[in-house]
Amino acid sequence: MYKKILAIDTSMDGCSVSLLKNHDILHNSKVCKKNHTKEILPMIQTVLTELKLKINELDIVIFSKGPGYFTGIRLSFCIAKTFTIGNKLKIIGISTLAILAEQAWKKYNSKKVLVAIHANQKKIYWAEYIRDMHGIWKGENTESCITIQQANIRICKLSEIWTTAGNAWEKINHKNKFLSTKIFFSNSKDLLNVYLSLKIKNTISKIQYFQYI
């Protein structure tokens, strides 16, 4: 039986919350751009109320650890950390890039996903994720902050069919080489799925916060 898990994602333009209680899952999400601080707490309260849970009854809080917006990542972490005060909660960060790969799998059944999201005007956050036979995403070692030119070089070396995800593909010269999607930002539903697949295979390890900051 699964524990009671709260998932929070404010790392990109989306603002979303998912709550797992036994086999019941409730999601709440919206596009809020710069209004994460205003929106996220009421959204959390809504899912807790609907599933009749209190903060001190949760077992785990997971959040998107980045890369993404500095303020959004910090917000999710601070909320998760605050919830641990006086409560025996575990908090775990999951890569935003892996979450985007999971979304591509859910929508397109894609097992090989190239993820690219904006870092700044000259660089992007990049990852090459492959889903293994156990449903685990492999590719965290490919996560990096690279230039557009470096991304194009990486693409030239890839010959198999990949699916794209992320909001930086308009900058990259991929010439319709891959299956293009409109997956632009991550969400807590896929965050929860990534965590559960890792947990089932006992591959969750201690994850450092602010890996990209």
Protein backbone atom coordinates (compact mmCIF):
# COMPACT_ATOMS: atom_id res chain seq x y z
CA MET A 1 0.00 0.00 0.00
CA TYR A 2 1.37 3.41 -0.98
CA LYS A 3 1.99 6.02 1.65
CA LYS A 4 0.39 9.45 1.69
CA ILE A 5 2.44 11.52 -0.74
CA LEU A 6 2.20 15.18 -1.71
CA ALA A 7 3.85 16.24 -5.00
CA ILE A 8 4.56 19.91 -5.77
CA ASP A 9 5.82 21.37 -9.04
CA THR A 10 6.47 25.09 -9.48
CA SER A 11 9.70 24.79 -11.45
CA MET A 12 8.33 26.20 -14.73
CA ASP A 13 5.27 28.12 -15.96
CA GLY A 14 2.94 25.47 -14.63
CA CYS A 15 1.87 25.35 -11.00
CA SER A 16 0.59 21.95 -9.90
CA VAL A 17 -0.09 19.74 -6.91
CA SER A 18 -0.86 16.03 -6.70
CA LEU A 19 -1.85 14.06 -3.63
CA LEU A 20 -1.76 10.28 -3.26
CA LYS A 21 -3.71 8.68 -0.42
CA ASN A 22 -3.62 4.90 -0.64
CA HIS A 23 -4.96 4.33 -4.17
CA ASP A 24 -6.73 7.68 -4.50
CA ILE A 25 -4.92 10.39 -6.49
CA LEU A 26 -6.06 14.01 -6.78
CA HIS A 27 -4.48 16.58 -9.10
CA ASN A 28 -4.75 20.36 -9.21
CA SER A 29 -2.88 22.38 -11.83
CA LYS A 30 -2.89 25.65 -13.74
CA VAL A 31 -0.61 27.86 -15.81
CA CYS A 32 0.37 30.74 -13.55
CA LYS A 33 3.74 31.98 -14.90
CA LYS A 34 4.99 34.39 -12.20
CA ASN A 35 2.13 33.81 -9.72
CA HIS A 36 3.38 30.59 -8.14
CA THR A 37 3.69 32.17 -4.70
CA LYS A 38 0.07 33.31 -4.76
CA GLU A 39 -1.41 30.11 -6.19
CA ILE A 40 0.44 27.14 -4.72
CA LEU A 41 -0.68 27.16 -1.06
CA PRO A 42 -4.43 27.37 -1.83
CA MET A 43 -3.96 24.55 -4.34
CA ILE A 44 -2.28 22.39 -1.70
CA GLN A 45 -5.04 23.13 0.77
CA THR A 46 -7.67 22.16 -1.80
CA VAL A 47 -6.29 18.67 -2.43
CA LEU A 48 -5.69 18.06 1.27
CA THR A 49 -9.25 19.05 2.09
CA GLU A 50 -10.80 16.93 -0.67
CA LEU A 51 -8.93 13.82 0.47
CA LYS A 52 -9.50 14.68 4.13
CA LEU A 53 -5.86 14.87 5.10
CA LYS A 54 -3.79 17.17 7.29
CA ILE A 55 -0.15 18.08 6.81
CA ASN A 56 0.92 16.01 9.82
CA GLU A 57 -0.69 12.94 8.26
CA LEU A 58 1.55 13.02 5.18
CA ASP A 59 4.49 10.64 4.86
CA ILE A 60 6.45 12.16 1.98
CA VAL A 61 6.60 15.47 0.09
CA ILE A 62 8.26 15.38 -3.33
CA PHE A 63 9.07 18.40 -5.47
CA SER A 64 10.60 19.27 -8.81
CA LYS A 65 14.19 20.17 -7.93
CA GLY A 66 15.03 21.82 -11.24
CA PRO A 67 16.38 22.95 -13.53
CA GLY A 68 13.82 25.70 -13.98
CA TYR A 69 12.90 29.04 -12.46
CA PHE A 70 15.03 29.83 -9.40
CA THR A 71 12.09 31.36 -7.51
CA GLY A 72 9.75 28.47 -8.33
CA ILE A 73 12.22 25.78 -7.31
CA ARG A 74 13.05 27.59 -4.09
CA LEU A 75 9.33 27.99 -3.36
CA SER A 76 8.56 24.27 -3.63
CA PHE A 77 11.56 23.35 -1.51
CA CYS A 78 10.73 25.92 1.17
CA ILE A 79 7.13 24.69 1.36
CA ALA A 80 8.26 21.08 1.62
CA LYS A 81 10.85 21.98 4.26
CA THR A 82 8.31 23.99 6.26
CA PHE A 83 5.95 21.00 6.30
CA THR A 84 8.65 18.94 8.03
CA ILE A 85 8.67 21.24 11.07
CA GLY A 86 7.12 19.22 13.87
CA ASN A 87 6.23 16.41 11.45
CA LYS A 88 8.08 13.23 10.50
CA LEU A 89 8.07 13.88 6.77
CA LYS A 90 10.60 12.92 4.14
CA ILE A 91 11.25 15.39 1.32
CA ILE A 92 12.67 14.28 -2.01
CA GLY A 93 13.61 16.27 -5.12
CA ILE A 94 13.14 14.86 -8.63
CA SER A 95 14.71 16.26 -11.82
CA THR A 96 12.43 18.48 -13.89
CA LEU A 97 13.99 16.98 -17.02
CA ALA A 98 13.04 13.45 -15.96
CA ILE A 99 9.50 14.65 -15.26
CA LEU A 100 9.23 16.02 -18.80
CA ALA A 101 10.48 12.70 -20.17
CA GLU A 102 7.74 10.92 -18.21
CA GLN A 103 5.14 13.22 -19.73
CA ALA A 104 6.37 12.29 -23.22
CA TRP A 105 6.02 8.62 -22.31
CA LYS A 106 2.47 9.08 -21.06
CA LYS A 107 1.32 11.05 -24.10
CA TYR A 108 3.30 9.42 -26.91
CA ASN A 109 4.60 6.13 -25.50
CA SER A 110 8.11 7.46 -26.15
CA LYS A 111 10.98 5.58 -24.53
CA LYS A 112 13.73 7.88 -25.82
CA VAL A 113 13.25 11.55 -25.01
CA LEU A 114 15.44 14.59 -25.62
CA VAL A 115 14.63 17.33 -23.13
CA ALA A 116 15.63 20.96 -23.64
CA ILE A 117 14.45 23.92 -21.57
CA HIS A 118 15.53 27.55 -21.41
CA ALA A 119 18.45 28.48 -19.17
CA ASN A 120 19.31 31.93 -20.56
CA GLN A 121 19.65 33.61 -23.95
CA LYS A 122 22.71 31.57 -24.92
CA LYS A 123 22.27 28.28 -23.07
CA ILE A 124 19.73 25.54 -22.46
CA TYR A 125 19.31 22.75 -19.95
CA TRP A 126 19.65 19.45 -21.79
CA ALA A 127 19.14 15.73 -21.12
CA GLU A 128 18.86 12.48 -23.06
CA TYR A 129 16.50 10.13 -21.20
CA ILE A 130 15.84 6.47 -22.02
CA ARG A 131 13.14 4.43 -20.30
CA ASP A 132 14.32 0.92 -19.41
CA MET A 133 12.33 -2.31 -19.33
CA HIS A 134 11.41 -1.68 -15.68
CA GLY A 135 9.95 1.76 -16.38
CA ILE A 136 12.91 3.62 -14.88
CA TRP A 137 14.32 6.69 -16.66
CA LYS A 138 18.05 6.52 -17.29
CA GLY A 139 19.86 9.70 -18.26
CA GLU A 140 20.54 11.87 -15.24
CA ASN A 141 24.24 11.66 -16.15
CA THR A 142 23.43 13.46 -19.44
CA GLU A 143 21.85 16.45 -17.71
CA SER A 144 23.85 19.57 -18.43
CA CYS A 145 23.71 23.26 -19.20
CA ILE A 146 25.02 23.67 -22.76
CA THR A 147 25.05 26.16 -25.63
CA ILE A 148 22.77 25.89 -28.65
CA GLN A 149 25.81 24.98 -30.76
CA GLN A 150 26.69 22.14 -28.38
CA ALA A 151 23.10 20.90 -28.55
CA ASN A 152 23.22 20.82 -32.34
CA ILE A 153 26.46 18.83 -32.20
CA ARG A 154 24.85 16.31 -29.84
CA ILE A 155 21.86 15.98 -32.17
CA CYS A 156 24.08 15.23 -35.16
CA LYS A 157 25.47 12.23 -33.30
CA LEU A 158 22.00 10.75 -32.67
CA SER A 159 20.65 8.42 -35.33
CA GLU A 160 17.70 6.72 -33.64
CA ILE A 161 14.15 8.04 -33.27
CA TRP A 162 13.78 10.36 -30.28
CA THR A 163 10.91 12.48 -28.98
CA THR A 164 11.42 16.08 -27.93
CA ALA A 165 10.11 17.74 -24.78
CA GLY A 166 10.68 21.15 -23.23
CA ASN A 167 10.34 24.82 -24.14
CA ALA A 168 13.67 25.48 -25.88
CA TRP A 169 13.29 23.58 -29.14
CA GLU A 170 12.55 26.66 -31.22
CA LYS A 171 16.21 27.58 -30.66
CA ILE A 172 17.60 24.26 -31.82
CA ASN A 173 18.26 23.25 -35.42
CA HIS A 174 16.81 19.73 -35.32
CA LYS A 175 15.29 19.89 -38.84
CA ASN A 176 12.30 17.67 -38.03
CA LYS A 177 14.69 14.85 -37.24
CA PHE A 178 12.68 13.84 -34.18
CA LEU A 179 9.06 13.52 -33.09
CA SER A 180 8.25 17.05 -31.93
CA THR A 181 5.74 17.61 -29.15
CA LYS A 182 4.03 20.48 -27.39
CA ILE A 183 5.24 19.41 -23.97
CA PHE A 184 6.52 22.73 -22.65
CA PHE A 185 6.51 22.42 -18.86
CA SER A 186 6.46 19.75 -16.17
CA ASN A 187 3.65 18.92 -13.76
CA SER A 188 3.12 17.17 -10.44
CA LYS A 189 1.20 14.25 -11.96
CA ASP A 190 4.28 13.09 -13.87
CA LEU A 191 6.48 13.99 -10.89
CA LEU A 192 4.47 11.56 -8.80
CA ASN A 193 4.71 8.86 -11.48
CA VAL A 194 8.50 9.20 -11.69
CA TYR A 195 8.82 8.91 -7.93
CA LEU A 196 6.56 5.85 -7.72
CA SER A 197 8.45 4.02 -10.46
CA LEU A 198 11.75 4.71 -8.69
CA LYS A 199 10.34 3.73 -5.32
CA ILE A 200 8.91 0.47 -6.60
CA LYS A 201 12.38 -0.49 -7.88
CA ASN A 202 14.05 0.77 -4.69
CA THR A 203 16.28 3.15 -6.63
CA ILE A 204 15.47 6.32 -4.69
CA SER A 205 18.62 7.75 -3.15
CA LYS A 206 19.38 10.96 -1.27
CA ILE A 207 19.07 13.82 -3.76
CA GLN A 208 20.82 17.13 -3.33
CA TYR A 209 18.71 20.28 -3.52
CA PHE A 210 19.55 23.07 -6.00
CA GLN A 211 21.69 20.91 -8.25
CA TYR A 212 21.51 23.51 -11.01
CA ILE A 213 21.76 26.70 -8.98
